[in-house]
PDB file of N, CA and C in Angstrom:
ATOM      1  N   UNK A   1     -15.346  33.708   6.108  1.00  0.00           N
ATOM      2  CA  UNK A   1     -16.093  33.938   6.789  1.00  0.00           C
ATOM      3  C   UNK A   1     -17.000  32.069   6.518  1.00  0.00           C
ATOM      4  N   UNK A   2     -17.348  32.222   4.909  1.00  0.00           N
ATOM      5  CA  UNK A   2     -17.202  30.598   4.512  1.00  0.00           C
ATOM      6  C   UNK A   2     -17.255  29.599   5.361  1.00  0.00           C
ATOM      7  N   UNK A   3     -15.416  30.422   5.633  1.00  0.00           N
ATOM      8  CA  UNK A   3     -14.591  28.587   6.320  1.00  0.00           C
ATOM      9  C   UNK A   3     -15.533  28.681   8.100  1.00  0.00           C
ATOM     10  N   UNK A   4     -15.516  29.614   8.072  1.00  0.00           N
ATOM     11  CA  UNK A   4     -16.118  29.994   9.459  1.00  0.00           C
ATOM     12  C   UNK A   4     -17.266  28.734  10.410  1.00  0.00           C
ATOM     13  N   UNK A   5     -18.337  28.930   8.430  1.00  0.00           N
ATOM     14  CA  UNK A   5     -18.972  27.953   9.281  1.00  0.00           C
ATOM     15  C   UNK A   5     -18.880  26.825   9.770  1.00  0.00           C
ATOM     16  N   UNK A   6     -18.101  26.175   8.768  1.00  0.00           N
ATOM     17  CA  UNK A   6     -17.702  24.988   8.950  1.00  0.00           C
ATOM     18  C   UNK A   6     -17.467  24.773  10.625  1.00  0.00           C
ATOM     19  N   UNK A   7     -16.212  25.623  11.016  1.00  0.00           N
ATOM     20  CA  UNK A   7     -15.622  25.761  12.224  1.00  0.00           C
ATOM     21  C   UNK A   7     -16.178  25.815  13.413  1.00  0.00           C
ATOM     22  N   UNK A   8     -17.403  26.642  13.003  1.00  0.00           N
ATOM     23  CA  UNK A   8     -18.123  26.472  14.532  1.00  0.00           C
ATOM     24  C   UNK A   8     -18.856  25.623  14.247  1.00  0.00           C
ATOM     25  N   UNK A   9     -19.629  24.342  13.199  1.00  0.00           N
ATOM     26  CA  UNK A   9     -21.076  23.966  13.269  1.00  0.00           C
ATOM     27  C   UNK A   9     -19.522  22.562  13.052  1.00  0.00           C
ATOM     28  N   UNK A  10     -18.914  21.626  13.186  1.00  0.00           N
ATOM     29  CA  UNK A  10     -17.971  21.377  13.695  1.00  0.00           C
ATOM     30  C   UNK A  10     -17.522  21.271  15.170  1.00  0.00           C
ATOM     31  N   UNK A  11     -16.826  21.816  15.346  1.00  0.00           N
ATOM     32  CA  UNK A  11     -17.558  22.683  17.222  1.00  0.00           C
ATOM     33  C   UNK A  11     -18.986  22.455  17.818  1.00  0.00           C
ATOM     34  N   UNK A  12     -19.259  22.316  17.134  1.00  0.00           N
ATOM     35  CA  UNK A  12     -21.115  21.918  18.520  1.00  0.00           C
ATOM     36  C   UNK A  12     -21.391  20.642  18.833  1.00  0.00           C
ATOM     37  N   UNK A  13     -20.609  19.501  18.272  1.00  0.00           N
ATOM     38  CA  UNK A  13     -20.109  18.448  19.283  1.00  0.00           C
ATOM     39  C   UNK A  13     -18.657  17.502  19.063  1.00  0.00           C
ATOM     40  N   UNK A  14     -18.936  16.590  20.534  1.00  0.00           N
ATOM     41  CA  UNK A  14     -17.265  16.683  20.272  1.00  0.00           C
ATOM     42  C   UNK A  14     -17.285  14.612  19.670  1.00  0.00           C
ATOM     43  N   UNK A  15     -18.717  14.253  20.194  1.00  0.00           N
ATOM     44  CA  UNK A  15     -18.575  12.678  19.193  1.00  0.00           C
ATOM     45  C   UNK A  15     -19.454  12.610  17.804  1.00  0.00           C
ATOM     46  N   UNK A  16     -20.869  12.651  18.757  1.00  0.00           N
ATOM     47  CA  UNK A  16     -22.102  13.070  17.652  1.00  0.00           C
ATOM     48  C   UNK A  16     -21.401  13.915  16.127  1.00  0.00           C
ATOM     49  N   UNK A  17     -22.478  13.243  15.289  1.00  0.00           N
ATOM     50  CA  UNK A  17     -22.534  13.824  13.789  1.00  0.00           C
ATOM     51  C   UNK A  17     -23.684  14.301  13.516  1.00  0.00           C
ATOM     52  N   UNK A  18     -23.126  14.954  12.750  1.00  0.00           N
ATOM     53  CA  UNK A  18     -23.860  16.889  13.292  1.00  0.00           C
ATOM     54  C   UNK A  18     -25.506  16.185  12.508  1.00  0.00           C
ATOM     55  N   UNK A  19     -25.062  15.007  11.206  1.00  0.00           N
ATOM     56  CA  UNK A  19     -26.639  14.730  10.345  1.00  0.00           C
ATOM     57  C   UNK A  19     -27.624  14.437  12.045  1.00  0.00           C
ATOM     58  N   UNK A  20     -26.507  13.081  13.222  1.00  0.00           N
ATOM     59  CA  UNK A  20     -27.976  13.237  14.540  1.00  0.00           C
ATOM     60  C   UNK A  20     -27.872  14.170  15.051  1.00  0.00           C
ATOM     61  N   UNK A  21     -27.124  15.402  15.114  1.00  0.00           N
ATOM     62  CA  UNK A  21     -27.374  16.115  16.499  1.00  0.00           C
ATOM     63  C   UNK A  21     -28.195  17.135  15.943  1.00  0.00           C
ATOM     64  N   UNK A  22     -28.699  17.552  14.791  1.00  0.00           N
ATOM     65  CA  UNK A  22     -28.947  18.665  14.445  1.00  0.00           C
ATOM     66  C   UNK A  22     -28.718  19.881  14.530  1.00  0.00           C
ATOM     67  N   UNK A  23     -30.138  20.776  13.441  1.00  0.00           N
ATOM     68  CA  UNK A  23     -28.575  22.077  13.427  1.00  0.00           C
ATOM     69  C   UNK A  23     -30.121  22.578  15.178  1.00  0.00           C
ATOM     70  N   UNK A  24     -30.646  22.557  16.046  1.00  0.00           N
ATOM     71  CA  UNK A  24     -31.651  23.371  17.078  1.00  0.00           C
ATOM     72  C   UNK A  24     -31.011  24.358  17.564  1.00  0.00           C
ATOM     73  N   UNK A  25     -30.084  24.954  17.645  1.00  0.00           N
ATOM     74  CA  UNK A  25     -29.197  25.831  18.759  1.00  0.00           C
ATOM     75  C   UNK A  25     -30.087  27.200  17.899  1.00  0.00           C
ATOM     76  N   UNK A  26     -30.733  27.894  18.598  1.00  0.00           N
ATOM     77  CA  UNK A  26     -31.467  28.722  18.257  1.00  0.00           C
ATOM     78  C   UNK A  26     -29.901  30.227  17.920  1.00  0.00           C
ATOM     79  N   UNK A  27     -29.532  29.858  18.831  1.00  0.00           N
ATOM     80  CA  UNK A  27     -28.593  31.936  19.187  1.00  0.00           C
ATOM     81  C   UNK A  27     -26.568  30.686  18.350  1.00  0.00           C
ATOM     82  N   UNK A  28     -26.522  29.531  17.974  1.00  0.00           N
ATOM     83  CA  UNK A  28     -25.633  29.138  17.043  1.00  0.00           C
ATOM     84  C   UNK A  28     -26.368  29.896  15.026  1.00  0.00           C
ATOM     85  N   UNK A  29     -27.918  29.172  15.610  1.00  0.00           N
ATOM     86  CA  UNK A  29     -28.173  29.544  14.121  1.00  0.00           C
ATOM     87  C   UNK A  29     -28.139  30.953  13.785  1.00  0.00           C
ATOM     88  N   UNK A  30     -28.407  32.312  14.620  1.00  0.00           N
ATOM     89  CA  UNK A  30     -28.778  33.505  14.852  1.00  0.00           C
ATOM     90  C   UNK A  30     -26.359  33.761  14.609  1.00  0.00           C
ATOM     91  N   UNK A  31     -26.216  33.607  15.481  1.00  0.00           N
ATOM     92  CA  UNK A  31     -24.366  33.305  14.824  1.00  0.00           C
ATOM     93  C   UNK A  31     -24.378  33.458  13.781  1.00  0.00           C
ATOM     94  N   UNK A  32     -24.675  32.255  12.692  1.00  0.00           N
ATOM     95  CA  UNK A  32     -24.044  31.944  11.337  1.00  0.00           C
ATOM     96  C   UNK A  32     -24.652  33.195  10.666  1.00  0.00           C
ATOM     97  N   UNK A  33     -26.703  33.823  11.108  1.00  0.00           N
ATOM     98  CA  UNK A  33     -27.066  34.276  10.044  1.00  0.00           C
ATOM     99  C   UNK A  33     -26.520  35.639  10.318  1.00  0.00           C
ATOM    100  N   UNK A  34     -26.434  36.041  11.440  1.00  0.00           N
ATOM    101  CA  UNK A  34     -25.011  37.900  11.909  1.00  0.00           C
ATOM    102  C   UNK A  34     -23.927  38.004  11.067  1.00  0.00           C
ATOM    103  N   UNK A  35     -23.225  36.430  11.589  1.00  0.00           N
ATOM    104  CA  UNK A  35     -22.265  36.938  10.923  1.00  0.00           C
ATOM    105  C   UNK A  35     -21.494  36.524   9.279  1.00  0.00           C
ATOM    106  N   UNK A  36     -22.640  36.226   8.456  1.00  0.00           N
ATOM    107  CA  UNK A  36     -22.445  36.864   6.702  1.00  0.00           C
ATOM    108  C   UNK A  36     -23.916  37.752   6.640  1.00  0.00           C
ATOM    109  N   UNK A  37     -24.477  38.297   7.388  1.00  0.00           N
ATOM    110  CA  UNK A  37     -24.971  40.012   7.633  1.00  0.00           C
ATOM    111  C   UNK A  37     -24.625  40.878   7.711  1.00  0.00           C
ATOM    112  N   UNK A  38     -23.468  40.012   8.393  1.00  0.00           N
ATOM    113  CA  UNK A  38     -21.913  41.408   8.871  1.00  0.00           C
ATOM    114  C   UNK A  38     -21.129  41.672   8.632  1.00  0.00           C
ATOM    115  N   UNK A  39     -20.568  40.103   7.470  1.00  0.00           N
ATOM    116  CA  UNK A  39     -19.529  41.191   6.761  1.00  0.00           C
ATOM    117  C   UNK A  39     -20.200  41.398   5.083  1.00  0.00           C
ATOM    118  N   UNK A  40     -21.582  41.070   4.377  1.00  0.00           N
ATOM    119  CA  UNK A  40     -22.288  40.960   3.520  1.00  0.00           C
ATOM    120  C   UNK A  40     -22.320  43.055   3.829  1.00  0.00           C
ATOM    121  N   UNK A  41     -22.132  43.246   4.671  1.00  0.00           N
ATOM    122  CA  UNK A  41     -23.413  44.300   5.452  1.00  0.00           C
ATOM    123  C   UNK A  41     -21.606  45.313   4.859  1.00  0.00           C
ATOM    124  N   UNK A  42     -20.677  45.272   5.787  1.00  0.00           N
ATOM    125  CA  UNK A  42     -19.217  46.092   5.220  1.00  0.00           C
ATOM    126  C   UNK A  42     -18.786  45.652   3.939  1.00  0.00           C
ATOM    127  N   UNK A  43     -18.705  45.126   3.217  1.00  0.00           N
ATOM    128  CA  UNK A  43     -18.436  44.351   1.797  1.00  0.00           C
ATOM    129  C   UNK A  43     -19.689  45.615   1.432  1.00  0.00           C
ATOM    130  N   UNK A  44     -20.371  45.010   1.184  1.00  0.00           N
ATOM    131  CA  UNK A  44     -20.994  45.875  -0.078  1.00  0.00           C
ATOM    132  C   UNK A  44     -22.014  47.270   0.282  1.00  0.00           C
ATOM    133  N   UNK A  45     -21.642  47.621   1.620  1.00  0.00           N
ATOM    134  CA  UNK A  45     -22.393  49.493   2.059  1.00  0.00           C
ATOM    135  C   UNK A  45     -21.929  50.475   1.399  1.00  0.00           C
ATOM    136  N   UNK A  46     -22.409  50.550   0.263  1.00  0.00           N
ATOM    137  CA  UNK A  46     -21.512  51.819  -0.527  1.00  0.00           C
ATOM    138  C   UNK A  46     -20.495  53.381   0.369  1.00  0.00           C
ATOM    139  N   UNK A  47     -19.753  53.062   0.325  1.00  0.00           N
ATOM    140  CA  UNK A  47     -19.497  54.465   0.847  1.00  0.00           C
ATOM    141  C   UNK A  47     -18.479  53.660   2.766  1.00  0.00           C
ATOM    142  N   UNK A  48     -19.425  53.195   3.366  1.00  0.00           N
ATOM    143  CA  UNK A  48     -18.251  51.920   3.712  1.00  0.00           C
ATOM    144  C   UNK A  48     -17.314  51.580   3.729  1.00  0.00           C
ATOM    145  N   UNK A  49     -17.078  51.521   1.888  1.00  0.00           N
ATOM    146  CA  UNK A  49     -15.205  50.697   2.482  1.00  0.00           C
ATOM    147  C   UNK A  49     -14.599  51.754   1.876  1.00  0.00           C
ATOM    148  N   UNK A  50     -14.684  52.904   1.522  1.00  0.00           N
ATOM    149  CA  UNK A  50     -13.525  54.114   1.801  1.00  0.00           C
ATOM    150  C   UNK A  50     -13.397  53.983   3.137  1.00  0.00           C
ATOM    151  N   UNK A  51     -14.668  53.691   3.783  1.00  0.00           N
ATOM    152  CA  UNK A  51     -14.307  55.061   5.094  1.00  0.00           C
ATOM    153  C   UNK A  51     -13.212  53.722   6.096  1.00  0.00           C
ATOM    154  N   UNK A  52     -13.338  52.300   5.217  1.00  0.00           N
ATOM    155  CA  UNK A  52     -12.986  51.213   5.990  1.00  0.00           C
ATOM    156  C   UNK A  52     -11.046  50.654   5.704  1.00  0.00           C
ATOM    157  N   UNK A  53     -11.344  51.275   4.543  1.00  0.00           N
ATOM    158  CA  UNK A  53     -10.358  51.454   3.638  1.00  0.00           C
ATOM    159  C   UNK A  53     -10.225  50.055   2.616  1.00  0.00           C
ATOM    160  N   UNK A  54     -11.432  49.449   2.465  1.00  0.00           N
ATOM    161  CA  UNK A  54     -11.946  48.286   1.792  1.00  0.00           C
ATOM    162  C   UNK A  54     -11.773  48.044   0.487  1.00  0.00           C
ATOM    163  N   UNK A  55     -11.590  47.059   0.067  1.00  0.00           N
ATOM    164  CA  UNK A  55     -12.117  46.854  -1.549  1.00  0.00           C
ATOM    165  C   UNK A  55     -13.100  46.563  -1.861  1.00  0.00           C
ATOM    166  N   UNK A  56     -13.896  45.994  -2.404  1.00  0.00           N
ATOM    167  CA  UNK A  56     -15.511  45.572  -2.404  1.00  0.00           C
ATOM    168  C   UNK A  56     -14.723  44.973  -3.255  1.00  0.00           C
ATOM    169  N   UNK A  57     -15.372  43.922  -2.894  1.00  0.00           N
ATOM    170  CA  UNK A  57     -15.212  42.519  -3.249  1.00  0.00           C
ATOM    171  C   UNK A  57     -15.856  41.697  -4.536  1.00  0.00           C
ATOM    172  N   UNK A  58     -16.258  41.291  -5.166  1.00  0.00           N
ATOM    173  CA  UNK A  58     -16.774  40.443  -6.156  1.00  0.00           C
ATOM    174  C   UNK A  58     -18.094  39.492  -5.279  1.00  0.00           C
ATOM    175  N   UNK A  59     -19.126  39.690  -6.113  1.00  0.00           N
ATOM    176  CA  UNK A  59     -19.486  38.281  -5.259  1.00  0.00           C
ATOM    177  C   UNK A  59     -18.219  36.476  -5.812  1.00  0.00           C
ATOM    178  N   UNK A  60     -18.257  37.140  -6.621  1.00  0.00           N
ATOM    179  CA  UNK A  60     -17.449  35.301  -7.283  1.00  0.00           C
ATOM    180  C   UNK A  60     -16.454  34.908  -6.290  1.00  0.00           C
ATOM    181  N   UNK A  61     -16.297  36.173  -5.294  1.00  0.00           N
ATOM    182  CA  UNK A  61     -14.565  35.528  -4.650  1.00  0.00           C
ATOM    183  C   UNK A  61     -15.505  35.218  -2.905  1.00  0.00           C
ATOM    184  N   UNK A  62     -16.354  34.822  -3.137  1.00  0.00           N
ATOM    185  CA  UNK A  62     -16.400  34.225  -2.016  1.00  0.00           C
ATOM    186  C   UNK A  62     -16.581  32.830  -2.266  1.00  0.00           C
ATOM    187  N   UNK A  63     -16.627  32.099  -3.530  1.00  0.00           N
ATOM    188  CA  UNK A  63     -16.672  31.361  -3.364  1.00  0.00           C
ATOM    189  C   UNK A  63     -15.227  30.161  -3.223  1.00  0.00           C
ATOM    190  N   UNK A  64     -14.487  30.683  -3.921  1.00  0.00           N
ATOM    191  CA  UNK A  64     -13.100  29.665  -3.213  1.00  0.00           C
ATOM    192  C   UNK A  64     -13.088  29.024  -2.520  1.00  0.00           C
ATOM    193  N   UNK A  65     -13.222  29.674  -1.170  1.00  0.00           N
ATOM    194  CA  UNK A  65     -13.266  28.577   0.254  1.00  0.00           C
ATOM    195  C   UNK A  65     -14.242  28.342   0.423  1.00  0.00           C
ATOM    196  N   UNK A  66     -14.728  27.383  -0.690  1.00  0.00           N
ATOM    197  CA  UNK A  66     -16.468  26.636  -0.217  1.00  0.00           C
ATOM    198  C   UNK A  66     -15.886  24.758  -0.149  1.00  0.00           C
ATOM    199  N   UNK A  67     -14.728  24.697  -1.456  1.00  0.00           N
ATOM    200  CA  UNK A  67     -14.730  23.459  -0.780  1.00  0.00           C
ATOM    201  C   UNK A  67     -13.006  23.536   0.470  1.00  0.00           C
ATOM    202  N   UNK A  68     -12.790  24.064   0.710  1.00  0.00           N
ATOM    203  CA  UNK A  68     -12.045  24.334   1.920  1.00  0.00           C
ATOM    204  C   UNK A  68     -13.317  24.033   3.350  1.00  0.00           C
ATOM    205  N   UNK A  69     -13.965  24.372   3.628  1.00  0.00           N
ATOM    206  CA  UNK A  69     -15.172  24.199   4.756  1.00  0.00           C
ATOM    207  C   UNK A  69     -15.749  23.192   4.324  1.00  0.00           C
ATOM    208  N   UNK A  70     -15.719  22.492   2.579  1.00  0.00           N
ATOM    209  CA  UNK A  70     -16.320  21.266   2.909  1.00  0.00           C
ATOM    210  C   UNK A  70     -15.132  19.958   3.028  1.00  0.00           C
ATOM    211  N   UNK A  71     -14.067  20.269   2.738  1.00  0.00           N
ATOM    212  CA  UNK A  71     -13.031  19.308   3.560  1.00  0.00           C
ATOM    213  C   UNK A  71     -12.778  19.618   5.033  1.00  0.00           C
ATOM    214  N   UNK A  72     -13.189  20.876   5.132  1.00  0.00           N
ATOM    215  CA  UNK A  72     -12.739  20.608   7.545  1.00  0.00           C
ATOM    216  C   UNK A  72     -14.024  19.430   7.488  1.00  0.00           C
ATOM    217  N   UNK A  73     -15.315  20.154   7.404  1.00  0.00           N
ATOM    218  CA  UNK A  73     -16.563  19.441   7.968  1.00  0.00           C
ATOM    219  C   UNK A  73     -16.220  17.367   6.907  1.00  0.00           C
ATOM    220  N   UNK A  74     -16.278  17.726   6.228  1.00  0.00           N
ATOM    221  CA  UNK A  74     -15.429  16.208   5.896  1.00  0.00           C
ATOM    222  C   UNK A  74     -14.873  15.511   7.358  1.00  0.00           C
ATOM    223  N   UNK A  75     -13.152  16.118   7.079  1.00  0.00           N
ATOM    224  CA  UNK A  75     -12.421  15.723   8.122  1.00  0.00           C
ATOM    225  C   UNK A  75     -13.236  15.144   9.328  1.00  0.00           C
ATOM    226  N   UNK A  76     -13.614  16.666  10.343  1.00  0.00           N
ATOM    227  CA  UNK A  76     -13.957  15.904  11.320  1.00  0.00           C
ATOM    228  C   UNK A  76     -15.041  15.144  11.128  1.00  0.00           C
ATOM    229  N   UNK A  77     -15.958  14.738   9.883  1.00  0.00           N
ATOM    230  CA  UNK A  77     -16.905  13.888  10.949  1.00  0.00           C
ATOM    231  C   UNK A  77     -16.572  12.525  10.426  1.00  0.00           C
ATOM    232  N   UNK A  78     -15.117  12.675   9.720  1.00  0.00           N
ATOM    233  CA  UNK A  78     -14.428  11.087   9.443  1.00  0.00           C
ATOM    234  C   UNK A  78     -13.971  10.606  10.471  1.00  0.00           C
ATOM    235  N   UNK A  79     -13.236  11.958  11.936  1.00  0.00           N
ATOM    236  CA  UNK A  79     -12.842  11.395  13.013  1.00  0.00           C
ATOM    237  C   UNK A  79     -13.182  11.298  13.762  1.00  0.00           C
ATOM    238  N   UNK A  80     -15.474  12.023  14.099  1.00  0.00           N
ATOM    239  CA  UNK A  80     -16.035  11.147  14.501  1.00  0.00           C
ATOM    240  C   UNK A  80     -16.547  10.222  14.354  1.00  0.00           C
ATOM    241  N   UNK A  81     -16.137   9.895  13.343  1.00  0.00           N
ATOM    242  CA  UNK A  81     -16.785   8.010  13.369  1.00  0.00           C
ATOM    243  C   UNK A  81     -15.612   7.335  13.709  1.00  0.00           C
ATOM    244  N   UNK A  82     -14.935   7.546  13.774  1.00  0.00           N
ATOM    245  CA  UNK A  82     -13.525   6.522  14.398  1.00  0.00           C
ATOM    246  C   UNK A  82     -14.027   6.175  15.808  1.00  0.00           C
ATOM    247  N   UNK A  83     -13.738   7.663  15.582  1.00  0.00           N
ATOM    248  CA  UNK A  83     -13.445   7.968  17.398  1.00  0.00           C
ATOM    249  C   UNK A  83     -14.890   6.946  17.999  1.00  0.00           C
ATOM    250  N   UNK A  84     -15.844   7.600  17.891  1.00  0.00           N
ATOM    251  CA  UNK A  84     -17.534   6.338  17.653  1.00  0.00           C
ATOM    252  C   UNK A  84     -16.925   4.632  18.022  1.00  0.00           C
ATOM    253  N   UNK A  85     -16.624   4.826  16.792  1.00  0.00           N
ATOM    254  CA  UNK A  85     -16.148   3.248  16.587  1.00  0.00           C
ATOM    255  C   UNK A  85     -14.868   2.852  16.857  1.00  0.00           C
ATOM    256  N   UNK A  86     -14.134   3.038  17.510  1.00  0.00           N
ATOM    257  CA  UNK A  86     -12.402   2.321  18.294  1.00  0.00           C
ATOM    258  C   UNK A  86     -12.458   3.577  19.467  1.00  0.00           C
ATOM    259  N   UNK A  87     -13.230   3.360  20.533  1.00  0.00           N
ATOM    260  CA  UNK A  87     -12.901   4.191  21.592  1.00  0.00           C
ATOM    261  C   UNK A  87     -11.478   3.572  22.135  1.00  0.00           C
ATOM    262  N   UNK A  88     -11.387   5.179  22.684  1.00  0.00           N
ATOM    263  CA  UNK A  88      -9.421   5.282  23.792  1.00  0.00           C
ATOM    264  C   UNK A  88      -8.581   5.323  22.472  1.00  0.00           C
ATOM    265  N   UNK A  89      -9.013   5.471  21.133  1.00  0.00           N
ATOM    266  CA  UNK A  89      -8.084   5.156  20.394  1.00  0.00           C
ATOM    267  C   UNK A  89      -7.229   6.455  19.820  1.00  0.00           C
ATOM    268  N   UNK A  90      -5.713   5.436  19.957  1.00  0.00           N
ATOM    269  CA  UNK A  90      -4.872   7.003  18.992  1.00  0.00           C
ATOM    270  C   UNK A  90      -5.617   8.431  18.640  1.00  0.00           C
ATOM    271  N   UNK A  91      -6.259   8.380  17.705  1.00  0.00           N
ATOM    272  CA  UNK A  91      -7.026   9.552  17.666  1.00  0.00           C
ATOM    273  C   UNK A  91      -7.594  10.095  17.708  1.00  0.00           C
ATOM    274  N   UNK A  92      -8.309   9.382  19.339  1.00  0.00           N
ATOM    275  CA  UNK A  92      -8.917  10.461  20.115  1.00  0.00           C
ATOM    276  C   UNK A  92      -8.281  11.153  21.021  1.00  0.00           C
ATOM    277  N   UNK A  93      -6.982  10.048  21.535  1.00  0.00           N
ATOM    278  CA  UNK A  93      -5.817  10.912  22.584  1.00  0.00           C
ATOM    279  C   UNK A  93      -5.257  11.963  21.748  1.00  0.00           C
ATOM    280  N   UNK A  94      -5.141  11.748  20.219  1.00  0.00           N
ATOM    281  CA  UNK A  94      -4.631  13.257  20.207  1.00  0.00           C
ATOM    282  C   UNK A  94      -5.481  14.360  19.409  1.00  0.00           C
ATOM    283  N   UNK A  95      -6.927  13.987  19.271  1.00  0.00           N
ATOM    284  CA  UNK A  95      -7.693  14.732  18.516  1.00  0.00           C
ATOM    285  C   UNK A  95      -8.742  14.689  19.510  1.00  0.00           C
ATOM    286  N   UNK A  96      -8.787  14.384  20.245  1.00  0.00           N
ATOM    287  CA  UNK A  96      -9.854  15.203  21.433  1.00  0.00           C
ATOM    288  C   UNK A  96      -9.430  16.034  22.336  1.00  0.00           C
ATOM    289  N   UNK A  97     -11.110  16.538  22.075  1.00  0.00           N
ATOM    290  CA  UNK A  97     -10.448  18.086  23.308  1.00  0.00           C
ATOM    291  C   UNK A  97     -11.207  18.546  24.718  1.00  0.00           C
TER     292      UNK A  97
END
């Protein structure tokens, strides 16, 4: 869930930095909150973990994914910066969707 936050945010724009684009898309923001709320509901609702055969998660187990999420975000911001500075470069040809 934590890494999916970064994936969703980096897919928001192709070339613009998220700093300039802002987070004004209400549907996207709702999706982030809904995904998080659903994951929390599934993990911490008593009895639901037994019915779905899941083991309850400790709260601290959510944190190891944060560095990977930050790495994805920083990588994509650097990629966008290079694409904006050098249009048509190799990086744009290989990674621009």
